[in-house]
């Protein structure tokens, strides 16, 4: 299973509509709104998008964005 950083998980929690393709679309749309200065957020979104691109739907569905505290 692909490992995500805490920042990547937080970004996915914010933008995920519940499915992998919807999350990819939402992150792509978010990136279009970024300014040149927002390089860290762009890099974070790119990292998530890359990891999602090599992940299957079944693997995505196993992700837990809200782990028990």
C-alpha atoms as a PDB file:
ATOM      1  CA  UNK A   1       0.000   0.000   0.000  1.00  0.00           C
ATOM      2  CA  UNK A   2       1.221   3.485  -0.860  1.00  0.00           C
ATOM      3  CA  UNK A   3       2.431   5.520   2.128  1.00  0.00           C
ATOM      4  CA  UNK A   4       1.132   9.074   2.499  1.00  0.00           C
ATOM      5  CA  UNK A   5       2.547  11.774   4.753  1.00  0.00           C
ATOM      6  CA  UNK A   6       0.339  13.473   7.318  1.00  0.00           C
ATOM      7  CA  UNK A   7       0.239  16.597   5.119  1.00  0.00           C
ATOM      8  CA  UNK A   8      -0.841  14.513   2.127  1.00  0.00           C
ATOM      9  CA  UNK A   9      -3.578  12.822   4.154  1.00  0.00           C
ATOM     10  CA  UNK A  10      -4.822  16.199   5.384  1.00  0.00           C
ATOM     11  CA  UNK A  11      -4.935  17.518   1.815  1.00  0.00           C
ATOM     12  CA  UNK A  12      -6.884  14.460   0.684  1.00  0.00           C
ATOM     13  CA  UNK A  13      -9.318  14.858   3.586  1.00  0.00           C
ATOM     14  CA  UNK A  14     -10.003  18.428   2.504  1.00  0.00           C
ATOM     15  CA  UNK A  15     -10.559  17.714  -1.179  1.00  0.00           C
ATOM     16  CA  UNK A  16     -11.876  14.153  -1.405  1.00  0.00           C
ATOM     17  CA  UNK A  17     -15.495  13.780  -2.516  1.00  0.00           C
ATOM     18  CA  UNK A  18     -15.230  10.084  -1.669  1.00  0.00           C
ATOM     19  CA  UNK A  19     -13.683   8.524  -4.746  1.00  0.00           C
ATOM     20  CA  UNK A  20     -10.271   8.478  -6.349  1.00  0.00           C
ATOM     21  CA  UNK A  21     -11.248  10.088  -9.657  1.00  0.00           C
ATOM     22  CA  UNK A  22     -13.147  12.853  -7.872  1.00  0.00           C
ATOM     23  CA  UNK A  23     -10.167  13.552  -5.640  1.00  0.00           C
ATOM     24  CA  UNK A  24      -7.816  13.725  -8.626  1.00  0.00           C
ATOM     25  CA  UNK A  25     -10.175  16.121 -10.367  1.00  0.00           C
ATOM     26  CA  UNK A  26     -10.561  18.304  -7.262  1.00  0.00           C
ATOM     27  CA  UNK A  27      -6.798  18.490  -6.731  1.00  0.00           C
ATOM     28  CA  UNK A  28      -6.262  19.372 -10.394  1.00  0.00           C
ATOM     29  CA  UNK A  29      -8.808  22.176 -10.144  1.00  0.00           C
ATOM     30  CA  UNK A  30      -7.227  23.417  -6.921  1.00  0.00           C
ATOM     31  CA  UNK A  31      -3.797  23.508  -8.555  1.00  0.00           C
ATOM     32  CA  UNK A  32      -5.186  25.715 -11.352  1.00  0.00           C
ATOM     33  CA  UNK A  33      -6.087  28.328  -8.722  1.00  0.00           C
ATOM     34  CA  UNK A  34      -2.632  28.465  -7.122  1.00  0.00           C
ATOM     35  CA  UNK A  35      -0.350  31.424  -7.580  1.00  0.00           C
ATOM     36  CA  UNK A  36       3.336  31.156  -8.480  1.00  0.00           C
ATOM     37  CA  UNK A  37       4.253  31.698  -4.823  1.00  0.00           C
ATOM     38  CA  UNK A  38       2.346  28.647  -3.613  1.00  0.00           C
ATOM     39  CA  UNK A  39       5.087  26.215  -4.571  1.00  0.00           C
ATOM     40  CA  UNK A  40       4.841  24.029  -1.453  1.00  0.00           C
ATOM     41  CA  UNK A  41       1.122  23.420  -1.885  1.00  0.00           C
ATOM     42  CA  UNK A  42       1.635  22.695  -5.586  1.00  0.00           C
ATOM     43  CA  UNK A  43       4.388  20.185  -4.750  1.00  0.00           C
ATOM     44  CA  UNK A  44       2.173  18.555  -2.132  1.00  0.00           C
ATOM     45  CA  UNK A  45      -0.718  18.239  -4.586  1.00  0.00           C
ATOM     46  CA  UNK A  46       1.640  16.857  -7.249  1.00  0.00           C
ATOM     47  CA  UNK A  47       2.932  14.265  -4.787  1.00  0.00           C
ATOM     48  CA  UNK A  48      -0.589  13.141  -3.898  1.00  0.00           C
ATOM     49  CA  UNK A  49      -1.623  13.023  -7.550  1.00  0.00           C
ATOM     50  CA  UNK A  50       1.408  10.912  -8.446  1.00  0.00           C
ATOM     51  CA  UNK A  51       0.743   8.471  -5.616  1.00  0.00           C
ATOM     52  CA  UNK A  52      -2.914   8.242  -6.610  1.00  0.00           C
ATOM     53  CA  UNK A  53      -1.945   7.576 -10.234  1.00  0.00           C
ATOM     54  CA  UNK A  54      -0.144   4.361  -9.268  1.00  0.00           C
ATOM     55  CA  UNK A  55      -2.885   3.262  -6.867  1.00  0.00           C
ATOM     56  CA  UNK A  56      -5.894   1.193  -7.839  1.00  0.00           C
ATOM     57  CA  UNK A  57      -9.487   1.940  -6.847  1.00  0.00           C
ATOM     58  CA  UNK A  58      -9.588  -0.954  -4.391  1.00  0.00           C
ATOM     59  CA  UNK A  59      -6.455   0.297  -2.656  1.00  0.00           C
ATOM     60  CA  UNK A  60      -7.883   3.831  -2.518  1.00  0.00           C
ATOM     61  CA  UNK A  61     -11.065   2.554  -0.905  1.00  0.00           C
ATOM     62  CA  UNK A  62      -8.992   1.018   1.904  1.00  0.00           C
ATOM     63  CA  UNK A  63      -7.498   4.398   2.849  1.00  0.00           C
ATOM     64  CA  UNK A  64      -8.611   5.705   6.219  1.00  0.00           C
ATOM     65  CA  UNK A  65      -8.598   9.502   6.218  1.00  0.00           C
ATOM     66  CA  UNK A  66     -10.032   9.627   9.726  1.00  0.00           C
ATOM     67  CA  UNK A  67      -8.042   7.231  11.938  1.00  0.00           C
ATOM     68  CA  UNK A  68      -9.182   6.637  15.492  1.00  0.00           C
ATOM     69  CA  UNK A  69      -7.523   8.956  17.946  1.00  0.00           C
END
